[in-house]
C-alpha atoms as a PDB file:
ATOM      1  CA  UNK A   1     -17.121  -3.342 -11.332  1.00  0.00           C
ATOM      2  CA  UNK A   2     -19.998  -4.140 -13.659  1.00  0.00           C
ATOM      3  CA  UNK A   3     -17.940  -3.287 -16.752  1.00  0.00           C
ATOM      4  CA  UNK A   4     -15.447  -6.083 -16.147  1.00  0.00           C
ATOM      5  CA  UNK A   5     -12.568  -3.642 -15.623  1.00  0.00           C
ATOM      6  CA  UNK A   6     -10.088  -4.667 -12.930  1.00  0.00           C
ATOM      7  CA  UNK A   7     -10.862  -2.362 -10.000  1.00  0.00           C
ATOM      8  CA  UNK A   8      -7.982  -0.887  -8.011  1.00  0.00           C
ATOM      9  CA  UNK A   9      -8.721   0.861  -4.734  1.00  0.00           C
ATOM     10  CA  UNK A  10      -6.302   2.417  -2.267  1.00  0.00           C
ATOM     11  CA  UNK A  11      -6.517   3.826   1.239  1.00  0.00           C
ATOM     12  CA  UNK A  12      -5.554   7.046   2.988  1.00  0.00           C
ATOM     13  CA  UNK A  13      -5.808   8.174   6.598  1.00  0.00           C
ATOM     14  CA  UNK A  14      -7.012  11.741   7.241  1.00  0.00           C
ATOM     15  CA  UNK A  15      -4.715  13.968   9.291  1.00  0.00           C
ATOM     16  CA  UNK A  16      -5.045  15.215  12.829  1.00  0.00           C
ATOM     17  CA  UNK A  17      -5.541  18.666  11.400  1.00  0.00           C
ATOM     18  CA  UNK A  18      -8.162  21.191  10.345  1.00  0.00           C
ATOM     19  CA  UNK A  19      -6.176  21.936   7.180  1.00  0.00           C
ATOM     20  CA  UNK A  20      -6.924  19.378   4.428  1.00  0.00           C
ATOM     21  CA  UNK A  21      -4.322  20.655   1.951  1.00  0.00           C
ATOM     22  CA  UNK A  22      -1.587  18.116   2.703  1.00  0.00           C
ATOM     23  CA  UNK A  23      -4.138  15.280   2.839  1.00  0.00           C
ATOM     24  CA  UNK A  24      -5.538  16.160  -0.587  1.00  0.00           C
ATOM     25  CA  UNK A  25      -2.028  16.576  -2.000  1.00  0.00           C
ATOM     26  CA  UNK A  26      -1.072  13.071  -0.838  1.00  0.00           C
ATOM     27  CA  UNK A  27      -4.216  11.582  -2.347  1.00  0.00           C
ATOM     28  CA  UNK A  28      -3.607  13.415  -5.647  1.00  0.00           C
ATOM     29  CA  UNK A  29      -0.829  10.945  -6.456  1.00  0.00           C
ATOM     30  CA  UNK A  30      -3.548   8.298  -6.882  1.00  0.00           C
ATOM     31  CA  UNK A  31      -5.700  10.337  -9.281  1.00  0.00           C
ATOM     32  CA  UNK A  32      -6.061   8.472 -12.551  1.00  0.00           C
ATOM     33  CA  UNK A  33      -4.478   5.332 -11.078  1.00  0.00           C
ATOM     34  CA  UNK A  34      -6.876   4.135  -8.381  1.00  0.00           C
ATOM     35  CA  UNK A  35     -10.530   3.620  -9.247  1.00  0.00           C
ATOM     36  CA  UNK A  36     -11.416   4.960  -5.795  1.00  0.00           C
ATOM     37  CA  UNK A  37      -9.690   5.816  -2.517  1.00  0.00           C
ATOM     38  CA  UNK A  38     -10.805   4.761   0.954  1.00  0.00           C
ATOM     39  CA  UNK A  39     -10.881   7.431   3.650  1.00  0.00           C
ATOM     40  CA  UNK A  40     -10.379   5.724   7.000  1.00  0.00           C
ATOM     41  CA  UNK A  41     -12.663   6.354   9.977  1.00  0.00           C
ATOM     42  CA  UNK A  42     -10.822   6.686  13.274  1.00  0.00           C
ATOM     43  CA  UNK A  43      -8.125   4.222  12.189  1.00  0.00           C
ATOM     44  CA  UNK A  44      -6.358   2.523  15.061  1.00  0.00           C
ATOM     45  CA  UNK A  45      -9.088   3.833  17.376  1.00  0.00           C
ATOM     46  CA  UNK A  46      -7.487   7.275  17.225  1.00  0.00           C
ATOM     47  CA  UNK A  47      -9.082  10.611  16.372  1.00  0.00           C
ATOM     48  CA  UNK A  48      -8.433  12.086  12.925  1.00  0.00           C
ATOM     49  CA  UNK A  49     -10.232  14.507  10.649  1.00  0.00           C
ATOM     50  CA  UNK A  50     -13.723  13.139  10.041  1.00  0.00           C
ATOM     51  CA  UNK A  51     -13.827  10.526   7.287  1.00  0.00           C
ATOM     52  CA  UNK A  52     -16.947  12.202   5.870  1.00  0.00           C
ATOM     53  CA  UNK A  53     -15.148  15.544   5.626  1.00  0.00           C
ATOM     54  CA  UNK A  54     -12.056  13.869   4.173  1.00  0.00           C
ATOM     55  CA  UNK A  55     -14.150  12.072   1.557  1.00  0.00           C
ATOM     56  CA  UNK A  56     -15.803  15.364   0.620  1.00  0.00           C
ATOM     57  CA  UNK A  57     -12.438  17.041   0.029  1.00  0.00           C
ATOM     58  CA  UNK A  58     -11.292  14.133  -2.153  1.00  0.00           C
ATOM     59  CA  UNK A  59     -14.498  14.289  -4.204  1.00  0.00           C
ATOM     60  CA  UNK A  60     -14.049  18.024  -4.620  1.00  0.00           C
ATOM     61  CA  UNK A  61     -10.515  17.348  -5.920  1.00  0.00           C
ATOM     62  CA  UNK A  62     -11.848  14.894  -8.521  1.00  0.00           C
ATOM     63  CA  UNK A  63     -10.865  11.736  -6.644  1.00  0.00           C
ATOM     64  CA  UNK A  64     -13.606   9.131  -6.175  1.00  0.00           C
ATOM     65  CA  UNK A  65     -13.817   8.460  -2.423  1.00  0.00           C
ATOM     66  CA  UNK A  66     -14.915   5.407  -0.483  1.00  0.00           C
ATOM     67  CA  UNK A  67     -16.231   6.618   2.853  1.00  0.00           C
ATOM     68  CA  UNK A  68     -15.328   4.256   5.683  1.00  0.00           C
ATOM     69  CA  UNK A  69     -17.884   4.200   8.504  1.00  0.00           C
ATOM     70  CA  UNK A  70     -17.479   2.199  11.695  1.00  0.00           C
ATOM     71  CA  UNK A  71     -20.117   0.843  14.028  1.00  0.00           C
ATOM     72  CA  UNK A  72     -17.850   1.660  16.972  1.00  0.00           C
ATOM     73  CA  UNK A  73     -18.561   5.373  17.273  1.00  0.00           C
ATOM     74  CA  UNK A  74     -22.185   6.034  16.304  1.00  0.00           C
ATOM     75  CA  UNK A  75     -25.648   4.766  17.111  1.00  0.00           C
ATOM     76  CA  UNK A  76     -28.102   4.046  14.298  1.00  0.00           C
ATOM     77  CA  UNK A  77     -29.517   7.583  14.317  1.00  0.00           C
ATOM     78  CA  UNK A  78     -26.071   9.108  13.790  1.00  0.00           C
ATOM     79  CA  UNK A  79     -25.222   6.513  11.124  1.00  0.00           C
ATOM     80  CA  UNK A  80     -28.412   7.349   9.222  1.00  0.00           C
ATOM     81  CA  UNK A  81     -27.653  11.054   9.449  1.00  0.00           C
ATOM     82  CA  UNK A  82     -24.128  10.584   8.096  1.00  0.00           C
ATOM     83  CA  UNK A  83     -25.378   8.384   5.245  1.00  0.00           C
ATOM     84  CA  UNK A  84     -27.823  11.135   4.271  1.00  0.00           C
ATOM     85  CA  UNK A  85     -25.016  13.679   4.560  1.00  0.00           C
ATOM     86  CA  UNK A  86     -22.745  11.570   2.345  1.00  0.00           C
ATOM     87  CA  UNK A  87     -25.432  11.237  -0.309  1.00  0.00           C
ATOM     88  CA  UNK A  88     -26.113  14.990  -0.161  1.00  0.00           C
ATOM     89  CA  UNK A  89     -22.399  15.664  -0.772  1.00  0.00           C
ATOM     90  CA  UNK A  90     -22.272  13.279  -3.739  1.00  0.00           C
ATOM     91  CA  UNK A  91     -20.315  10.599  -1.873  1.00  0.00           C
ATOM     92  CA  UNK A  92     -21.681   7.300  -3.143  1.00  0.00           C
ATOM     93  CA  UNK A  93     -19.330   4.595  -1.900  1.00  0.00           C
ATOM     94  CA  UNK A  94     -19.468   3.441   1.721  1.00  0.00           C
ATOM     95  CA  UNK A  95     -17.360   0.739   3.370  1.00  0.00           C
ATOM     96  CA  UNK A  96     -19.039  -0.598   6.500  1.00  0.00           C
ATOM     97  CA  UNK A  97     -16.683  -1.720   9.285  1.00  0.00           C
ATOM     98  CA  UNK A  98     -16.898  -2.663  12.924  1.00  0.00           C
ATOM     99  CA  UNK A  99     -13.893  -0.502  13.872  1.00  0.00           C
ATOM    100  CA  UNK A 100     -10.885  -1.082  16.081  1.00  0.00           C
ATOM    101  CA  UNK A 101     -11.639  -1.462  19.788  1.00  0.00           C
ATOM    102  CA  UNK A 102     -10.957   1.747  21.773  1.00  0.00           C
ATOM    103  CA  UNK A 103      -8.519  -0.080  24.043  1.00  0.00           C
ATOM    104  CA  UNK A 104      -6.234  -0.438  21.001  1.00  0.00           C
ATOM    105  CA  UNK A 105      -5.987   3.332  20.599  1.00  0.00           C
ATOM    106  CA  UNK A 106      -4.611   6.273  22.529  1.00  0.00           C
ATOM    107  CA  UNK A 107      -7.835   6.955  24.490  1.00  0.00           C
ATOM    108  CA  UNK A 108      -8.601   3.499  25.929  1.00  0.00           C
ATOM    109  CA  UNK A 109     -11.271   4.843  28.303  1.00  0.00           C
ATOM    110  CA  UNK A 110     -13.480   5.833  25.336  1.00  0.00           C
ATOM    111  CA  UNK A 111     -16.820   4.037  25.332  1.00  0.00           C
ATOM    112  CA  UNK A 112     -17.667   2.098  22.158  1.00  0.00           C
ATOM    113  CA  UNK A 113     -21.228   2.208  20.797  1.00  0.00           C
ATOM    114  CA  UNK A 114     -21.846  -0.815  18.549  1.00  0.00           C
ATOM    115  CA  UNK A 115     -25.573  -0.114  18.398  1.00  0.00           C
ATOM    116  CA  UNK A 116     -25.510  -2.075  15.124  1.00  0.00           C
ATOM    117  CA  UNK A 117     -23.078  -4.698  13.893  1.00  0.00           C
ATOM    118  CA  UNK A 118     -21.794  -4.581  10.325  1.00  0.00           C
ATOM    119  CA  UNK A 119     -24.594  -6.784   9.018  1.00  0.00           C
ATOM    120  CA  UNK A 120     -27.255  -4.637  10.697  1.00  0.00           C
ATOM    121  CA  UNK A 121     -25.619  -1.471   9.342  1.00  0.00           C
ATOM    122  CA  UNK A 122     -25.525  -2.910   5.807  1.00  0.00           C
ATOM    123  CA  UNK A 123     -29.161  -3.985   6.005  1.00  0.00           C
ATOM    124  CA  UNK A 124     -30.184  -0.522   7.202  1.00  0.00           C
ATOM    125  CA  UNK A 125     -28.221   1.280   4.477  1.00  0.00           C
ATOM    126  CA  UNK A 126     -29.562  -1.100   1.820  1.00  0.00           C
ATOM    127  CA  UNK A 127     -33.149  -0.419   2.888  1.00  0.00           C
ATOM    128  CA  UNK A 128     -32.494   3.323   2.828  1.00  0.00           C
ATOM    129  CA  UNK A 129     -31.280   3.179  -0.786  1.00  0.00           C
ATOM    130  CA  UNK A 130     -33.847   0.666  -2.027  1.00  0.00           C
ATOM    131  CA  UNK A 131     -36.962   1.905  -0.193  1.00  0.00           C
ATOM    132  CA  UNK A 132     -36.020   5.597   0.199  1.00  0.00           C
ATOM    133  CA  UNK A 133     -37.143   5.428   3.803  1.00  0.00           C
ATOM    134  CA  UNK A 134     -35.557   5.575   7.228  1.00  0.00           C
ATOM    135  CA  UNK A 135     -36.173   2.507   9.427  1.00  0.00           C
ATOM    136  CA  UNK A 136     -39.207   4.115  11.162  1.00  0.00           C
ATOM    137  CA  UNK A 137     -40.779   4.646   7.726  1.00  0.00           C
ATOM    138  CA  UNK A 138     -39.936   8.319   7.276  1.00  0.00           C
ATOM    139  CA  UNK A 139     -39.584   9.110   3.564  1.00  0.00           C
ATOM    140  CA  UNK A 140     -36.178  10.285   2.344  1.00  0.00           C
ATOM    141  CA  UNK A 141     -36.186  13.163  -0.107  1.00  0.00           C
ATOM    142  CA  UNK A 142     -33.624  13.171  -2.891  1.00  0.00           C
ATOM    143  CA  UNK A 143     -31.452  10.427  -4.319  1.00  0.00           C
ATOM    144  CA  UNK A 144     -29.776   7.799  -2.136  1.00  0.00           C
ATOM    145  CA  UNK A 145     -27.304   6.327  -4.601  1.00  0.00           C
ATOM    146  CA  UNK A 146     -25.069   4.234  -2.374  1.00  0.00           C
ATOM    147  CA  UNK A 147     -22.564   1.535  -3.320  1.00  0.00           C
ATOM    148  CA  UNK A 148     -22.048  -0.553  -0.197  1.00  0.00           C
ATOM    149  CA  UNK A 149     -18.938  -2.452   0.791  1.00  0.00           C
ATOM    150  CA  UNK A 150     -17.744  -4.680   3.601  1.00  0.00           C
ATOM    151  CA  UNK A 151     -14.514  -6.328   4.703  1.00  0.00           C
ATOM    152  CA  UNK A 152     -13.368  -9.938   4.868  1.00  0.00           C
ATOM    153  CA  UNK A 153     -10.359 -11.971   5.955  1.00  0.00           C
ATOM    154  CA  UNK A 154      -9.272 -14.421   3.241  1.00  0.00           C
ATOM    155  CA  UNK A 155      -8.507 -17.992   4.254  1.00  0.00           C
ATOM    156  CA  UNK A 156      -7.077 -21.034   2.549  1.00  0.00           C
ATOM    157  CA  UNK A 157     -10.445 -22.799   2.404  1.00  0.00           C
ATOM    158  CA  UNK A 158     -10.612 -26.281   3.917  1.00  0.00           C
ATOM    159  CA  UNK A 159     -12.960 -28.879   2.439  1.00  0.00           C
ATOM    160  CA  UNK A 160     -16.563 -27.783   2.786  1.00  0.00           C
ATOM    161  CA  UNK A 161     -15.650 -24.264   3.873  1.00  0.00           C
ATOM    162  CA  UNK A 162     -18.732 -22.048   3.966  1.00  0.00           C
ATOM    163  CA  UNK A 163     -18.062 -18.380   4.941  1.00  0.00           C
ATOM    164  CA  UNK A 164     -21.245 -17.617   6.876  1.00  0.00           C
ATOM    165  CA  UNK A 165     -20.188 -14.080   7.796  1.00  0.00           C
ATOM    166  CA  UNK A 166     -19.252 -13.124   4.232  1.00  0.00           C
ATOM    167  CA  UNK A 167     -22.445 -14.643   2.850  1.00  0.00           C
ATOM    168  CA  UNK A 168     -24.455 -12.684   5.436  1.00  0.00           C
ATOM    169  CA  UNK A 169     -22.810  -9.433   4.311  1.00  0.00           C
ATOM    170  CA  UNK A 170     -23.667 -10.176   0.683  1.00  0.00           C
ATOM    171  CA  UNK A 171     -27.238 -11.015   1.727  1.00  0.00           C
ATOM    172  CA  UNK A 172     -27.412  -7.729   3.651  1.00  0.00           C
ATOM    173  CA  UNK A 173     -26.626  -5.698   0.524  1.00  0.00           C
ATOM    174  CA  UNK A 174     -22.834  -5.488   0.156  1.00  0.00           C
ATOM    175  CA  UNK A 175     -21.851  -4.732  -3.456  1.00  0.00           C
ATOM    176  CA  UNK A 176     -18.112  -5.171  -2.931  1.00  0.00           C
ATOM    177  CA  UNK A 177     -15.744  -6.774  -0.453  1.00  0.00           C
ATOM    178  CA  UNK A 178     -12.278  -5.460   0.403  1.00  0.00           C
ATOM    179  CA  UNK A 179     -10.086  -8.049   2.084  1.00  0.00           C
ATOM    180  CA  UNK A 180      -7.266  -7.995   4.585  1.00  0.00           C
ATOM    181  CA  UNK A 181      -3.743  -8.394   3.173  1.00  0.00           C
ATOM    182  CA  UNK A 182      -3.339 -11.695   1.320  1.00  0.00           C
ATOM    183  CA  UNK A 183       0.064 -11.844  -0.349  1.00  0.00           C
ATOM    184  CA  UNK A 184      -0.104 -15.576  -1.118  1.00  0.00           C
ATOM    185  CA  UNK A 185      -1.394 -15.879  -4.687  1.00  0.00           C
ATOM    186  CA  UNK A 186      -2.178 -19.591  -4.359  1.00  0.00           C
ATOM    187  CA  UNK A 187      -4.335 -18.959  -1.305  1.00  0.00           C
ATOM    188  CA  UNK A 188      -6.131 -16.247  -3.306  1.00  0.00           C
ATOM    189  CA  UNK A 189      -6.776 -18.707  -6.150  1.00  0.00           C
ATOM    190  CA  UNK A 190      -8.358 -21.257  -3.811  1.00  0.00           C
ATOM    191  CA  UNK A 191     -10.285 -18.608  -1.843  1.00  0.00           C
ATOM    192  CA  UNK A 192     -11.723 -17.016  -5.016  1.00  0.00           C
ATOM    193  CA  UNK A 193     -12.541 -20.405  -6.567  1.00  0.00           C
ATOM    194  CA  UNK A 194     -14.575 -21.363  -3.511  1.00  0.00           C
ATOM    195  CA  UNK A 195     -16.414 -18.022  -3.501  1.00  0.00           C
ATOM    196  CA  UNK A 196     -17.320 -18.635  -7.142  1.00  0.00           C
ATOM    197  CA  UNK A 197     -18.553 -22.141  -6.306  1.00  0.00           C
ATOM    198  CA  UNK A 198     -20.773 -20.684  -3.590  1.00  0.00           C
ATOM    199  CA  UNK A 199     -22.077 -17.886  -5.858  1.00  0.00           C
ATOM    200  CA  UNK A 200     -20.734 -15.153  -3.568  1.00  0.00           C
ATOM    201  CA  UNK A 201     -18.166 -13.672  -5.973  1.00  0.00           C
ATOM    202  CA  UNK A 202     -20.936 -13.214  -8.554  1.00  0.00           C
ATOM    203  CA  UNK A 203     -22.946 -11.110  -6.088  1.00  0.00           C
ATOM    204  CA  UNK A 204     -20.252  -9.012  -4.404  1.00  0.00           C
ATOM    205  CA  UNK A 205     -17.061  -7.937  -6.181  1.00  0.00           C
ATOM    206  CA  UNK A 206     -14.020  -9.327  -4.351  1.00  0.00           C
ATOM    207  CA  UNK A 207     -11.045  -6.932  -4.008  1.00  0.00           C
ATOM    208  CA  UNK A 208      -7.930  -8.587  -2.577  1.00  0.00           C
ATOM    209  CA  UNK A 209      -5.760  -6.623  -0.151  1.00  0.00           C
ATOM    210  CA  UNK A 210      -2.090  -6.294  -1.115  1.00  0.00           C
ATOM    211  CA  UNK A 211       0.777  -3.979  -0.159  1.00  0.00           C
ATOM    212  CA  UNK A 212       4.176  -2.701  -1.291  1.00  0.00           C
ATOM    213  CA  UNK A 213       5.912  -3.906   1.878  1.00  0.00           C
ATOM    214  CA  UNK A 214       9.079  -1.865   2.504  1.00  0.00           C
ATOM    215  CA  UNK A 215      11.071  -4.397   4.549  1.00  0.00           C
ATOM    216  CA  UNK A 216      11.140  -7.851   6.099  1.00  0.00           C
ATOM    217  CA  UNK A 217      10.655  -6.197   9.475  1.00  0.00           C
ATOM    218  CA  UNK A 218       7.464  -4.537   8.229  1.00  0.00           C
ATOM    219  CA  UNK A 219       6.214  -7.859   6.857  1.00  0.00           C
ATOM    220  CA  UNK A 220       6.729  -9.547  10.213  1.00  0.00           C
ATOM    221  CA  UNK A 221       5.032  -6.632  12.008  1.00  0.00           C
ATOM    222  CA  UNK A 222       2.026  -6.879   9.691  1.00  0.00           C
ATOM    223  CA  UNK A 223       1.677 -10.616  10.282  1.00  0.00           C
ATOM    224  CA  UNK A 224       1.880 -10.105  14.039  1.00  0.00           C
ATOM    225  CA  UNK A 225      -0.211  -6.959  14.471  1.00  0.00           C
ATOM    226  CA  UNK A 226      -2.786  -6.971  11.649  1.00  0.00           C
ATOM    227  CA  UNK A 227      -5.291  -9.731  12.269  1.00  0.00           C
ATOM    228  CA  UNK A 228      -5.795 -12.108   9.347  1.00  0.00           C
ATOM    229  CA  UNK A 229      -2.783 -10.909   7.322  1.00  0.00           C
ATOM    230  CA  UNK A 230      -1.288 -13.607   5.074  1.00  0.00           C
ATOM    231  CA  UNK A 231       2.325 -13.060   3.995  1.00  0.00           C
ATOM    232  CA  UNK A 232       4.238 -16.201   2.994  1.00  0.00           C
ATOM    233  CA  UNK A 233       7.719 -16.771   4.351  1.00  0.00           C
ATOM    234  CA  UNK A 234       9.048 -16.737   0.768  1.00  0.00           C
ATOM    235  CA  UNK A 235       8.108 -13.046   0.482  1.00  0.00           C
ATOM    236  CA  UNK A 236       9.746 -12.268   3.826  1.00  0.00           C
ATOM    237  CA  UNK A 237      12.892 -14.021   2.576  1.00  0.00           C
ATOM    238  CA  UNK A 238      12.886 -11.974  -0.653  1.00  0.00           C
ATOM    239  CA  UNK A 239      12.690  -8.771   1.347  1.00  0.00           C
ATOM    240  CA  UNK A 240      15.346  -9.969   3.759  1.00  0.00           C
ATOM    241  CA  UNK A 241      17.803 -10.771   0.972  1.00  0.00           C
ATOM    242  CA  UNK A 242      17.163  -7.727  -1.230  1.00  0.00           C
ATOM    243  CA  UNK A 243      19.804  -5.034  -1.699  1.00  0.00           C
ATOM    244  CA  UNK A 244      16.942  -2.504  -1.815  1.00  0.00           C
ATOM    245  CA  UNK A 245      14.052  -3.967   0.242  1.00  0.00           C
ATOM    246  CA  UNK A 246      11.719  -1.064  -0.541  1.00  0.00           C
ATOM    247  CA  UNK A 247      12.112  -1.540  -4.311  1.00  0.00           C
ATOM    248  CA  UNK A 248      11.754  -5.296  -3.867  1.00  0.00           C
ATOM    249  CA  UNK A 249       8.540  -4.834  -1.907  1.00  0.00           C
ATOM    250  CA  UNK A 250       7.152  -2.719  -4.725  1.00  0.00           C
ATOM    251  CA  UNK A 251       8.160  -5.384  -7.284  1.00  0.00           C
ATOM    252  CA  UNK A 252       6.383  -8.055  -5.258  1.00  0.00           C
ATOM    253  CA  UNK A 253       3.226  -5.928  -5.120  1.00  0.00           C
ATOM    254  CA  UNK A 254       3.386  -5.308  -8.888  1.00  0.00           C
ATOM    255  CA  UNK A 255       3.744  -9.045  -9.544  1.00  0.00           C
ATOM    256  CA  UNK A 256       0.747  -9.818  -7.347  1.00  0.00           C
ATOM    257  CA  UNK A 257      -1.412  -7.166  -9.011  1.00  0.00           C
ATOM    258  CA  UNK A 258      -0.607  -8.557 -12.450  1.00  0.00           C
ATOM    259  CA  UNK A 259      -1.453 -12.084 -11.306  1.00  0.00           C
ATOM    260  CA  UNK A 260      -4.702 -11.048  -9.604  1.00  0.00           C
ATOM    261  CA  UNK A 261      -6.104  -9.812 -12.936  1.00  0.00           C
ATOM    262  CA  UNK A 262      -5.940 -13.395 -14.217  1.00  0.00           C
ATOM    263  CA  UNK A 263      -7.729 -15.098 -11.308  1.00  0.00           C
ATOM    264  CA  UNK A 264     -11.415 -15.938 -11.877  1.00  0.00           C
ATOM    265  CA  UNK A 265     -13.593 -14.535  -9.113  1.00  0.00           C
ATOM    266  CA  UNK A 266     -11.241 -11.664  -8.272  1.00  0.00           C
ATOM    267  CA  UNK A 267     -12.709  -8.314  -9.315  1.00  0.00           C
ATOM    268  CA  UNK A 268      -9.831  -6.137  -8.218  1.00  0.00           C
ATOM    269  CA  UNK A 269      -7.249  -5.239  -5.612  1.00  0.00           C
ATOM    270  CA  UNK A 270      -7.186  -3.017  -2.556  1.00  0.00           C
ATOM    271  CA  UNK A 271      -3.667  -1.582  -2.216  1.00  0.00           C
ATOM    272  CA  UNK A 272      -2.708  -0.464   1.273  1.00  0.00           C
ATOM    273  CA  UNK A 273       0.618   0.696   2.689  1.00  0.00           C
ATOM    274  CA  UNK A 274       0.391   1.326   6.433  1.00  0.00           C
ATOM    275  CA  UNK A 275       4.043   2.402   6.640  1.00  0.00           C
ATOM    276  CA  UNK A 276       4.848   3.524   3.093  1.00  0.00           C
ATOM    277  CA  UNK A 277       1.967   5.446   1.497  1.00  0.00           C
ATOM    278  CA  UNK A 278       3.944   6.973  -1.444  1.00  0.00           C
ATOM    279  CA  UNK A 279       4.670   3.478  -2.762  1.00  0.00           C
ATOM    280  CA  UNK A 280       0.989   2.793  -3.474  1.00  0.00           C
ATOM    281  CA  UNK A 281       0.799   4.963  -6.593  1.00  0.00           C
ATOM    282  CA  UNK A 282       4.144   3.668  -7.878  1.00  0.00           C
ATOM    283  CA  UNK A 283       3.071   0.041  -7.521  1.00  0.00           C
ATOM    284  CA  UNK A 284      -0.281   0.614  -9.258  1.00  0.00           C
ATOM    285  CA  UNK A 285       1.355   2.559 -12.095  1.00  0.00           C
ATOM    286  CA  UNK A 286       4.114  -0.016 -12.655  1.00  0.00           C
ATOM    287  CA  UNK A 287       1.659  -2.914 -12.654  1.00  0.00           C
ATOM    288  CA  UNK A 288      -0.373  -1.448 -15.521  1.00  0.00           C
ATOM    289  CA  UNK A 289      -3.529  -3.154 -14.269  1.00  0.00           C
ATOM    290  CA  UNK A 290      -5.774  -0.091 -14.332  1.00  0.00           C
ATOM    291  CA  UNK A 291      -8.647  -0.486 -16.800  1.00  0.00           C
ATOM    292  CA  UNK A 292      -7.503  -3.963 -17.805  1.00  0.00           C
ATOM    293  CA  UNK A 293     -10.261  -6.493 -18.256  1.00  0.00           C
ATOM    294  CA  UNK A 294     -10.182  -9.150 -15.594  1.00  0.00           C
ATOM    295  CA  UNK A 295     -10.389 -12.808 -16.557  1.00  0.00           C
ATOM    296  CA  UNK A 296     -13.734 -13.454 -14.900  1.00  0.00           C
ATOM    297  CA  UNK A 297     -15.999 -10.565 -13.933  1.00  0.00           C
ATOM    298  CA  UNK A 298     -18.133 -10.929 -10.816  1.00  0.00           C
ATOM    299  CA  UNK A 299     -21.424  -9.652 -12.181  1.00  0.00           C
END
């Protein structure tokens, strides 16, 4: 991020399995294409292989992981312990999230924790890396080299728009922000321009969420089910009218990636494919954006 290279991250969900082989094999398709790969933490409020364990296996395979950690499932003591464990395993990147509510998953009677919110979690992790102490003052032995991230939902900013939540995350220590899907390039331009005006994009690298959407039906599902998703009707129409919607969805993603490189205030892209994971690597490779210098680095 500091070099000015356009950062491309992707995302993978660990399996419901004790055997990581297939998980690592899937992620291997992103090696050399994605700067780093998110490992989700109880995505959809469903149990999967631990994100910490998944991140470790990716790191061992030579893939830079981003460990997702939610506030939903752990109190502050457990969060501190897992941060220390991540650092001990050489996992440096941590994306702090609230987490999906248990009622959205397949065990709706599960009790959420939410001892800390995302801002409190970021502040705690930032103090641990900067002061080398736990919150009670206990010294931490060894290095705590964490790169902290948070999430945001892009908007088409109205006059005077001031994103208090995003600013608070930057103030709390977030180094990068990964956004929800925003497939409207003009909205991205206005969103990024406002974050530059406010000085936020200079403090936390903004990575815009995009996807190789495989069909018009998938696009409509994403808009309905994934809060904050922005997919213009023109993209839905392109998918609807395409002879090969899957290939068209990949072309749209490639076009967006190539345009994002040119937008001041955008440091990179976060490529997700909830229903078509193999398309992620193809879209990144075809776009050719890896290692390209972005137009305006957020430094």
